Amino acid sequence: MTRFRFLPTALFCACLSVLTACSSSPASPTAASSATASSAAGDAAGAAAGGAVTTAVADKALCKTLNTAATALRTGITEAQQEGGGVKAADAKRTFTKFHTTVSEALAFAETSDVSTAAKAIADELGKAAKATDPISSAADSNFDKLGTDLTEACKTAGVTVMF
């Protein structure tokens, strides 16, 4: 039987809940996140290949992908919560890995900007947490809140409201 640590799980889930409450857009199905991620990755690829799309436009597309990935992250953790508030390590790892993969794919062709730097930092942090024995505690112990604030501010500057 897997041992759960209630406090880190509760803290991490509380952070996600607070972020969810701030969202101005309704939650979307996780299937939509793949389509949006592919679309943003394609937009970013077009920007790198053609050079016609400016960094600002690419940042907006990246922010939209990040918002969708964050919604999928919150949904995945919420759906994985068990009675008593715990989340199995395997479920958290799967959800964190999915977020990391989605964001990394979107960043593949992104130019360096405040948005891409903030996105990489948060994806890397969740990627590390996904590899930890206790991913929820690892994420809760990280500077996830600051990284989320940095990402939110970078996207706000790019003209996109994200809920992270």
Protein backbone atom coordinates (compact mmCIF):
# COMPACT_ATOMS: atom_id res chain seq x y z
CA MET A 1 0.00 0.00 0.00
CA THR A 2 1.35 3.41 -0.95
CA ARG A 3 1.87 5.84 1.88
CA PHE A 4 0.28 9.25 1.35
CA ARG A 5 1.38 12.46 2.90
CA PHE A 6 -1.74 14.46 3.45
CA LEU A 7 -0.23 17.91 4.12
CA PRO A 8 1.82 18.25 0.91
CA THR A 9 -1.08 16.92 -1.11
CA ALA A 10 -3.49 19.31 0.54
CA LEU A 11 -1.16 22.27 0.04
CA PHE A 12 -0.54 21.48 -3.60
CA CYS A 13 -4.22 20.89 -4.30
CA ALA A 14 -5.12 24.08 -2.45
CA CYS A 15 -2.72 26.01 -4.70
CA LEU A 16 -4.30 24.46 -7.77
CA SER A 17 -7.79 25.23 -6.44
CA VAL A 18 -6.94 28.87 -5.82
CA LEU A 19 -5.55 29.13 -9.31
CA THR A 20 -8.68 27.52 -10.73
CA ALA A 21 -10.87 30.03 -8.94
CA CYS A 22 -9.00 32.86 -10.66
CA SER A 23 -9.68 31.56 -14.15
CA SER A 24 -11.81 33.67 -16.43
CA SER A 25 -12.38 30.78 -18.79
CA PRO A 26 -14.27 27.55 -18.14
CA ALA A 27 -12.37 24.31 -17.79
CA SER A 28 -11.92 22.48 -21.03
CA PRO A 29 -11.67 18.73 -21.60
CA THR A 30 -8.20 17.26 -21.51
CA ALA A 31 -8.57 16.05 -25.08
CA ALA A 32 -8.66 19.67 -26.17
CA SER A 33 -5.26 20.23 -24.59
CA SER A 34 -3.57 17.94 -27.10
CA ALA A 35 -5.17 19.71 -30.03
CA THR A 36 -4.29 23.14 -28.66
CA ALA A 37 -0.74 22.05 -27.86
CA SER A 38 -0.31 20.72 -31.38
CA SER A 39 -1.74 23.92 -32.81
CA ALA A 40 0.55 26.12 -30.72
CA ALA A 41 3.55 23.94 -31.53
CA GLY A 42 2.65 24.28 -35.21
CA ASP A 43 2.31 28.05 -34.81
CA ALA A 44 5.68 28.18 -33.09
CA ALA A 45 7.20 25.99 -35.84
CA GLY A 46 5.78 28.33 -38.44
CA ALA A 47 7.29 31.27 -36.61
CA ALA A 48 10.71 29.64 -36.57
CA ALA A 49 10.53 28.49 -40.18
CA GLY A 50 8.90 31.48 -41.85
CA GLY A 51 9.95 34.23 -39.49
CA ALA A 52 6.71 36.01 -40.40
CA VAL A 53 5.14 35.52 -37.00
CA THR A 54 6.49 37.90 -34.40
CA THR A 55 7.61 36.88 -30.94
CA ALA A 56 4.53 38.59 -29.51
CA VAL A 57 2.21 36.44 -31.61
CA ALA A 58 4.21 33.31 -30.75
CA ASP A 59 4.06 34.25 -27.05
CA LYS A 60 0.28 34.59 -27.25
CA ALA A 61 -0.01 31.13 -28.83
CA LEU A 62 2.34 29.69 -26.21
CA CYS A 63 0.32 31.30 -23.39
CA LYS A 64 -2.88 29.78 -24.75
CA THR A 65 -1.20 26.36 -24.83
CA LEU A 66 0.07 26.87 -21.28
CA ASN A 67 -3.39 27.82 -20.07
CA THR A 68 -4.85 24.67 -21.60
CA ALA A 69 -2.04 22.54 -20.15
CA ALA A 70 -2.57 24.10 -16.71
CA THR A 71 -6.29 23.32 -16.91
CA ALA A 72 -5.46 19.71 -17.81
CA LEU A 73 -2.99 19.60 -14.89
CA ARG A 74 -5.57 20.84 -12.39
CA THR A 75 -8.22 18.51 -13.80
CA GLY A 76 -5.85 15.52 -13.70
CA ILE A 77 -4.89 16.12 -10.07
CA THR A 78 -8.48 16.80 -9.04
CA GLU A 79 -9.75 13.64 -10.73
CA ALA A 80 -6.92 11.60 -9.15
CA GLN A 81 -7.75 12.72 -5.62
CA GLN A 82 -8.87 9.90 -3.47
CA GLU A 83 -11.14 9.97 -0.47
CA GLY A 84 -9.19 11.77 2.22
CA GLY A 85 -7.46 14.07 -0.27
CA GLY A 86 -4.48 11.93 -1.24
CA VAL A 87 -3.23 11.44 -4.77
CA LYS A 88 -1.42 8.26 -5.77
CA ALA A 89 2.16 8.89 -6.85
CA ALA A 90 1.57 7.17 -10.20
CA ASP A 91 -1.38 9.47 -10.98
CA ALA A 92 0.58 12.59 -10.06
CA LYS A 93 3.58 11.42 -12.10
CA ARG A 94 1.37 10.79 -15.13
CA THR A 95 -0.31 14.21 -14.85
CA PHE A 96 2.97 16.08 -14.28
CA THR A 97 4.67 14.23 -17.14
CA LYS A 98 1.80 15.08 -19.49
CA PHE A 99 2.11 18.78 -18.59
CA HIS A 100 5.90 18.68 -19.01
CA THR A 101 5.63 16.98 -22.40
CA THR A 102 2.94 19.37 -23.69
CA VAL A 103 4.89 22.46 -22.68
CA SER A 104 8.22 21.09 -23.91
CA GLU A 105 6.70 20.36 -27.32
CA ALA A 106 5.27 23.88 -27.47
CA LEU A 107 8.68 25.32 -26.54
CA ALA A 108 10.54 23.33 -29.20
CA PHE A 109 10.41 26.19 -31.70
CA ALA A 110 9.77 29.12 -29.36
CA GLU A 111 12.16 32.03 -29.33
CA THR A 112 13.63 33.12 -26.03
CA SER A 113 11.27 35.52 -24.31
CA ASP A 114 9.88 36.15 -20.83
CA VAL A 115 7.01 33.78 -21.64
CA SER A 116 9.17 30.94 -22.93
CA THR A 117 11.62 31.34 -20.04
CA ALA A 118 8.82 31.21 -17.45
CA ALA A 119 7.15 28.29 -19.24
CA LYS A 120 10.40 26.31 -19.34
CA ALA A 121 11.02 26.94 -15.64
CA ILE A 122 7.62 25.66 -14.58
CA ALA A 123 7.73 22.68 -16.97
CA ASP A 124 11.19 21.75 -15.69
CA GLU A 125 10.00 21.95 -12.07
CA LEU A 126 7.04 19.68 -12.76
CA GLY A 127 9.29 17.39 -14.79
CA LYS A 128 11.54 17.01 -11.72
CA ALA A 129 8.50 16.43 -9.51
CA ALA A 130 7.27 13.72 -11.90
CA LYS A 131 10.52 11.83 -11.40
CA ALA A 132 10.42 12.08 -7.60
CA THR A 133 9.27 9.24 -5.38
CA ASP A 134 6.64 11.56 -3.91
CA PRO A 135 5.73 13.94 -6.77
CA ILE A 136 3.10 15.90 -4.83
CA SER A 137 5.52 16.69 -2.00
CA SER A 138 8.23 17.56 -4.49
CA ALA A 139 5.93 20.01 -6.27
CA ALA A 140 4.69 21.43 -2.98
CA ASP A 141 8.27 21.91 -1.74
CA SER A 142 9.35 23.69 -4.94
CA ASN A 143 8.92 27.37 -5.68
CA PHE A 144 5.89 26.44 -7.81
CA ASP A 145 3.88 29.46 -6.61
CA LYS A 146 6.55 31.95 -7.70
CA LEU A 147 7.02 30.20 -11.03
CA GLY A 148 3.26 30.32 -11.60
CA THR A 149 3.19 34.03 -10.77
CA ASP A 150 6.11 34.69 -13.14
CA LEU A 151 4.32 32.82 -15.92
CA THR A 152 1.03 34.59 -15.26
CA GLU A 153 2.74 37.99 -15.40
CA ALA A 154 4.70 37.16 -18.57
CA CYS A 155 1.52 36.05 -20.34
CA LYS A 156 -0.34 39.10 -19.06
CA THR A 157 2.36 41.29 -20.61
CA ALA A 158 1.91 39.33 -23.86
CA GLY A 159 -1.81 40.14 -23.74
CA VAL A 160 -3.13 36.75 -22.60
CA THR A 161 -4.76 35.99 -19.28
CA VAL A 162 -3.66 32.60 -18.03
CA MET A 163 -4.76 30.78 -14.96
CA PHE A 164 -1.72 29.21 -13.38
